[in-house]
Amino acid sequence: MAISFIAAESTDGTSTAIPAHIAGDLLLFNSFRDGSNSTPTKPADITQLDTNTTNSAGSLSGYKVAASSSET
């Protein structure tokens, strides 16, 4: 089995749709909050990998393994 990039999605808001996927796909998550020294809120079903907070921004990275093709 090969590892390959399937799709990406981004938004300039508070949420975004997850691109088409199937059960077993690794879904990577990264959020960035500019103009605030606080970390973005982590969705409940995401495993947190890293957070970073500075004087002017905060970020959060994580992942989940898709249980189905209809993750939200």
N, C-alpha and C. Protein backbone atom coordinates (compact mmCIF):
# COMPACT_ATOMS: atom_id res chain seq x y z
N MET A 1 0.85 -1.17 0.00
CA MET A 1 0.00 0.00 0.00
C MET A 1 0.89 1.24 0.00
N ALA A 2 0.61 2.17 -0.87
CA ALA A 2 1.38 3.40 -0.97
C ALA A 2 0.69 4.53 -0.23
N ILE A 3 1.47 5.46 0.24
CA ILE A 3 0.94 6.67 0.86
C ILE A 3 0.85 7.72 -0.23
N SER A 4 -0.30 8.37 -0.35
CA SER A 4 -0.45 9.41 -1.36
C SER A 4 -1.36 10.53 -0.87
N PHE A 5 -1.08 11.71 -1.35
CA PHE A 5 -1.89 12.88 -1.03
C PHE A 5 -3.18 12.80 -1.84
N ILE A 6 -4.32 13.02 -1.18
CA ILE A 6 -5.61 12.96 -1.87
C ILE A 6 -6.19 14.34 -2.11
N ALA A 7 -6.30 15.15 -1.05
CA ALA A 7 -6.95 16.45 -1.20
C ALA A 7 -6.64 17.33 0.01
N ALA A 8 -6.97 18.61 -0.12
CA ALA A 8 -6.83 19.56 0.98
C ALA A 8 -7.99 20.54 0.92
N GLU A 9 -8.26 21.15 2.04
CA GLU A 9 -9.33 22.16 2.11
C GLU A 9 -8.90 23.21 3.12
N SER A 10 -9.24 24.45 2.85
CA SER A 10 -8.93 25.52 3.80
C SER A 10 -10.05 26.55 3.77
N THR A 11 -10.06 27.37 4.79
CA THR A 11 -11.06 28.43 4.87
C THR A 11 -10.51 29.58 5.69
N ASP A 12 -11.13 30.70 5.56
CA ASP A 12 -10.76 31.87 6.34
C ASP A 12 -11.87 32.13 7.36
N GLY A 13 -12.26 31.08 8.06
CA GLY A 13 -13.36 31.18 9.01
C GLY A 13 -13.15 30.24 10.18
N THR A 14 -14.24 29.81 10.79
CA THR A 14 -14.14 28.98 11.98
C THR A 14 -14.35 27.50 11.72
N SER A 15 -14.70 27.10 10.51
CA SER A 15 -14.85 25.68 10.19
C SER A 15 -14.68 25.47 8.69
N THR A 16 -14.45 24.23 8.30
CA THR A 16 -14.31 23.88 6.89
C THR A 16 -14.79 22.46 6.67
N ALA A 17 -15.15 22.13 5.47
CA ALA A 17 -15.59 20.78 5.14
C ALA A 17 -14.37 19.90 4.90
N ILE A 18 -14.45 18.64 5.30
CA ILE A 18 -13.37 17.69 5.05
C ILE A 18 -13.53 17.17 3.62
N PRO A 19 -12.45 17.18 2.82
CA PRO A 19 -12.55 16.67 1.45
C PRO A 19 -12.98 15.20 1.41
N ALA A 20 -13.39 14.74 0.24
CA ALA A 20 -13.81 13.35 0.06
C ALA A 20 -12.73 12.40 0.56
N HIS A 21 -13.14 11.36 1.28
CA HIS A 21 -12.22 10.40 1.87
C HIS A 21 -12.95 9.08 2.10
N ILE A 22 -12.21 8.06 2.49
CA ILE A 22 -12.81 6.77 2.81
C ILE A 22 -12.33 6.32 4.20
N ALA A 23 -12.99 5.32 4.74
CA ALA A 23 -12.60 4.77 6.04
C ALA A 23 -11.15 4.34 5.99
N GLY A 24 -10.41 4.66 7.03
CA GLY A 24 -8.99 4.30 7.12
C GLY A 24 -8.05 5.38 6.66
N ASP A 25 -8.56 6.42 5.99
CA ASP A 25 -7.69 7.53 5.58
C ASP A 25 -7.22 8.31 6.80
N LEU A 26 -5.98 8.79 6.75
CA LEU A 26 -5.44 9.64 7.79
C LEU A 26 -5.83 11.08 7.47
N LEU A 27 -6.55 11.72 8.37
CA LEU A 27 -6.98 13.11 8.19
C LEU A 27 -6.12 13.99 9.08
N LEU A 28 -5.38 14.91 8.48
CA LEU A 28 -4.52 15.83 9.22
C LEU A 28 -5.23 17.15 9.40
N PHE A 29 -5.01 17.76 10.54
CA PHE A 29 -5.72 18.97 10.93
C PHE A 29 -4.71 20.00 11.40
N ASN A 30 -4.82 21.22 10.90
CA ASN A 30 -3.99 22.32 11.38
C ASN A 30 -4.83 23.58 11.41
N SER A 31 -4.80 24.28 12.51
CA SER A 31 -5.54 25.54 12.60
C SER A 31 -4.61 26.63 13.10
N PHE A 32 -4.90 27.85 12.71
CA PHE A 32 -4.07 29.00 13.05
C PHE A 32 -4.98 30.16 13.40
N ARG A 33 -4.70 30.81 14.51
CA ARG A 33 -5.47 31.97 14.94
C ARG A 33 -4.54 33.16 15.00
N ASP A 34 -4.71 34.09 14.08
CA ASP A 34 -3.87 35.28 14.01
C ASP A 34 -4.47 36.39 14.86
N GLY A 35 -3.61 37.21 15.43
CA GLY A 35 -4.08 38.35 16.21
C GLY A 35 -4.54 37.99 17.61
N SER A 36 -4.25 36.78 18.05
CA SER A 36 -4.65 36.34 19.39
C SER A 36 -3.55 35.43 19.92
N ASN A 37 -3.21 35.57 21.17
CA ASN A 37 -2.18 34.69 21.72
C ASN A 37 -2.80 33.48 22.40
N SER A 38 -3.88 32.97 21.82
CA SER A 38 -4.52 31.77 22.37
C SER A 38 -4.59 30.68 21.32
N THR A 39 -4.59 29.44 21.79
CA THR A 39 -4.65 28.28 20.90
C THR A 39 -6.07 28.08 20.40
N PRO A 40 -6.26 27.77 19.11
CA PRO A 40 -7.59 27.47 18.60
C PRO A 40 -8.22 26.29 19.34
N THR A 41 -9.53 26.20 19.31
CA THR A 41 -10.25 25.11 19.97
C THR A 41 -10.08 23.82 19.18
N LYS A 42 -9.75 22.73 19.88
CA LYS A 42 -9.54 21.43 19.24
C LYS A 42 -10.86 20.68 19.15
N PRO A 43 -11.23 20.21 17.95
CA PRO A 43 -12.42 19.36 17.85
C PRO A 43 -12.26 18.12 18.74
N ALA A 44 -13.35 17.64 19.30
CA ALA A 44 -13.31 16.55 20.28
C ALA A 44 -12.70 15.26 19.74
N ASP A 45 -12.87 14.97 18.47
CA ASP A 45 -12.41 13.69 17.93
C ASP A 45 -11.03 13.74 17.27
N ILE A 46 -10.31 14.84 17.42
CA ILE A 46 -8.96 15.00 16.86
C ILE A 46 -7.93 14.69 17.94
N THR A 47 -6.92 13.90 17.61
CA THR A 47 -5.80 13.65 18.52
C THR A 47 -4.80 14.78 18.34
N GLN A 48 -4.52 15.51 19.39
CA GLN A 48 -3.64 16.67 19.32
C GLN A 48 -2.19 16.26 19.18
N LEU A 49 -1.48 16.88 18.24
CA LEU A 49 -0.05 16.63 18.05
C LEU A 49 0.79 17.75 18.65
N ASP A 50 0.39 19.01 18.42
CA ASP A 50 1.23 20.13 18.81
C ASP A 50 0.40 21.40 18.96
N THR A 51 0.82 22.27 19.85
CA THR A 51 0.26 23.61 19.94
C THR A 51 1.41 24.60 20.02
N ASN A 52 1.14 25.81 19.60
CA ASN A 52 2.14 26.86 19.65
C ASN A 52 1.42 28.17 19.87
N THR A 53 1.86 28.93 20.86
CA THR A 53 1.26 30.22 21.15
C THR A 53 2.36 31.26 21.28
N THR A 54 2.20 32.37 20.57
CA THR A 54 3.14 33.48 20.68
C THR A 54 2.35 34.71 21.12
N ASN A 55 2.98 35.86 21.08
CA ASN A 55 2.30 37.09 21.48
C ASN A 55 1.20 37.50 20.52
N SER A 56 1.25 37.01 19.28
CA SER A 56 0.27 37.49 18.30
C SER A 56 -0.49 36.39 17.57
N ALA A 57 -0.24 35.11 17.89
CA ALA A 57 -0.92 34.04 17.17
C ALA A 57 -0.89 32.74 17.95
N GLY A 58 -1.78 31.83 17.58
CA GLY A 58 -1.80 30.50 18.18
C GLY A 58 -2.11 29.48 17.11
N SER A 59 -1.56 28.28 17.25
CA SER A 59 -1.83 27.23 16.27
C SER A 59 -2.02 25.90 16.98
N LEU A 60 -2.68 24.98 16.30
CA LEU A 60 -2.93 23.65 16.83
C LEU A 60 -2.89 22.66 15.67
N SER A 61 -2.21 21.53 15.84
CA SER A 61 -2.14 20.48 14.83
C SER A 61 -2.62 19.17 15.42
N GLY A 62 -3.25 18.34 14.59
CA GLY A 62 -3.71 17.05 15.07
C GLY A 62 -4.09 16.14 13.92
N TYR A 63 -4.66 14.98 14.26
CA TYR A 63 -5.04 14.01 13.24
C TYR A 63 -6.17 13.13 13.75
N LYS A 64 -6.76 12.41 12.84
CA LYS A 64 -7.69 11.32 13.15
C LYS A 64 -7.69 10.35 11.98
N VAL A 65 -8.04 9.12 12.25
CA VAL A 65 -8.19 8.11 11.21
C VAL A 65 -9.68 8.02 10.92
N ALA A 66 -10.05 8.22 9.67
CA ALA A 66 -11.46 8.23 9.29
C ALA A 66 -12.10 6.87 9.56
N ALA A 67 -13.22 6.87 10.25
CA ALA A 67 -13.96 5.64 10.51
C ALA A 67 -14.93 5.33 9.37
N SER A 68 -15.23 6.35 8.56
CA SER A 68 -16.16 6.18 7.45
C SER A 68 -15.84 7.22 6.38
N SER A 69 -16.63 7.25 5.32
CA SER A 69 -16.43 8.25 4.27
C SER A 69 -17.27 9.50 4.53
N SER A 70 -17.87 9.59 5.71
CA SER A 70 -18.72 10.75 5.99
C SER A 70 -18.30 11.49 7.26
N GLU A 71 -17.00 11.52 7.56
CA GLU A 71 -16.52 12.28 8.71
C GLU A 71 -16.83 13.77 8.50
N THR A 72 -17.09 14.47 9.58
CA THR A 72 -17.34 15.90 9.50
C THR A 72 -16.42 16.66 10.42
